[in-house]
Amino acid sequence: MTGRRVLIEVAPRAEHQIQELPEHLRVKVRLALLELLDDPMPLAKGAKPFRAGGDEIPDAYEWDVGGVTIFYNLIETGPLLIQVLVLVIVIDAL
């Protein structure tokens, strides 16, 4: 992704969910969001295409960052810009 800029937008619902997380999970999520700036598709770190009803949803991903799953979409807004839209944060079963 060299030469491309990444813009991360966190939806209000996801921001609220992040604020409600215990501190150690909130830190994990914030660090993961910083990693998305460098690599919006961190497949080597466990991000995978999102599936609904067995079908893969285009440009939608889920990423388990250890206790929390981040659901986000990638939107290519131009040849040099990718927008990451974080939609939902889900706490995994404890």
Protein backbone atom coordinates (compact mmCIF):
# COMPACT_ATOMS: atom_id res chain seq x y z
CA MET A 1 0.00 0.00 0.00
CA THR A 2 2.95 2.32 -0.44
CA GLY A 3 2.10 5.74 -1.79
CA ARG A 4 -1.52 5.48 -0.70
CA ARG A 5 -3.02 7.41 2.17
CA VAL A 6 -5.43 5.81 4.60
CA LEU A 7 -8.23 7.69 6.32
CA ILE A 8 -9.94 5.98 9.25
CA GLU A 9 -13.47 6.98 10.20
CA VAL A 10 -15.07 5.45 13.28
CA ALA A 11 -18.87 5.40 13.17
CA PRO A 12 -20.58 6.94 16.22
CA ARG A 13 -21.93 3.55 17.32
CA ALA A 14 -18.47 1.98 17.17
CA GLU A 15 -16.94 4.97 19.02
CA HIS A 16 -19.49 4.51 21.79
CA GLN A 17 -18.72 0.77 21.92
CA ILE A 18 -15.00 1.52 22.18
CA GLN A 19 -15.57 3.94 25.06
CA GLU A 20 -17.57 1.28 26.92
CA LEU A 21 -14.78 -1.32 26.69
CA PRO A 22 -12.60 -2.14 29.69
CA GLU A 23 -9.37 -0.15 29.48
CA HIS A 24 -7.13 -3.05 28.38
CA LEU A 25 -9.47 -3.85 25.46
CA ARG A 26 -9.88 -0.18 24.56
CA VAL A 27 -6.09 0.08 24.25
CA LYS A 28 -6.01 -3.03 22.00
CA VAL A 29 -8.65 -1.53 19.70
CA ARG A 30 -6.91 1.85 19.49
CA LEU A 31 -3.59 0.15 18.65
CA ALA A 32 -5.33 -1.96 15.99
CA LEU A 33 -6.80 1.20 14.45
CA LEU A 34 -3.29 2.65 14.25
CA GLU A 35 -2.13 -0.54 12.50
CA LEU A 36 -4.90 -0.08 9.93
CA LEU A 37 -3.26 3.21 8.94
CA ASP A 38 -0.21 1.23 7.77
CA ASP A 39 -2.08 -1.75 6.35
CA PRO A 40 -5.86 -1.49 5.87
CA MET A 41 -6.04 -5.22 5.06
CA PRO A 42 -3.90 -6.90 7.73
CA LEU A 43 -4.70 -10.39 6.48
CA ALA A 44 -1.43 -11.74 7.87
CA LYS A 45 -2.53 -10.57 11.32
CA GLY A 46 -5.90 -12.28 11.19
CA ALA A 47 -8.24 -9.94 9.35
CA LYS A 48 -10.56 -11.84 7.05
CA PRO A 49 -13.33 -11.04 4.61
CA PHE A 50 -16.73 -10.72 6.29
CA ARG A 51 -19.32 -13.34 5.43
CA ALA A 52 -23.08 -13.08 5.89
CA GLY A 53 -25.30 -16.05 5.11
CA GLY A 54 -22.31 -17.86 3.62
CA ASP A 55 -21.66 -15.09 1.08
CA GLU A 56 -18.61 -12.85 1.19
CA ILE A 57 -19.53 -9.18 1.45
CA PRO A 58 -17.31 -7.10 -0.89
CA ASP A 59 -14.83 -4.79 0.83
CA ALA A 60 -16.04 -5.79 4.33
CA TYR A 61 -13.65 -7.27 6.86
CA GLU A 62 -13.59 -8.55 10.42
CA TRP A 63 -10.48 -8.57 12.58
CA ASP A 64 -10.18 -10.28 15.95
CA VAL A 65 -7.58 -8.33 17.91
CA GLY A 66 -7.66 -10.53 21.00
CA GLY A 67 -10.92 -10.30 22.90
CA VAL A 68 -12.53 -7.79 20.56
CA THR A 69 -13.60 -8.08 16.92
CA ILE A 70 -13.54 -5.02 14.69
CA PHE A 71 -15.89 -4.93 11.70
CA TYR A 72 -14.98 -2.44 8.97
CA ASN A 73 -15.39 -1.58 5.30
CA LEU A 74 -12.76 -0.39 2.85
CA ILE A 75 -13.70 2.30 0.37
CA GLU A 76 -11.25 3.31 -2.35
CA THR A 77 -12.06 6.99 -2.75
CA GLY A 78 -9.37 7.59 -5.34
CA PRO A 79 -6.14 6.18 -6.72
CA LEU A 80 -4.17 7.42 -3.71
CA LEU A 81 -6.74 7.24 -0.87
CA ILE A 82 -8.41 4.39 0.97
CA GLN A 83 -11.07 5.10 3.57
CA VAL A 84 -11.53 2.62 6.42
CA LEU A 85 -15.00 2.86 7.96
CA VAL A 86 -15.15 1.11 11.34
CA LEU A 87 -18.77 0.09 11.86
CA VAL A 88 -19.03 -2.13 14.93
CA ILE A 89 -16.85 -3.37 17.79
CA VAL A 90 -17.92 -6.67 19.41
CA ILE A 91 -16.53 -8.05 22.65
CA ASP A 92 -15.80 -11.76 22.28
CA ALA A 93 -17.25 -14.14 24.89
CA LEU A 94 -15.21 -14.04 28.06
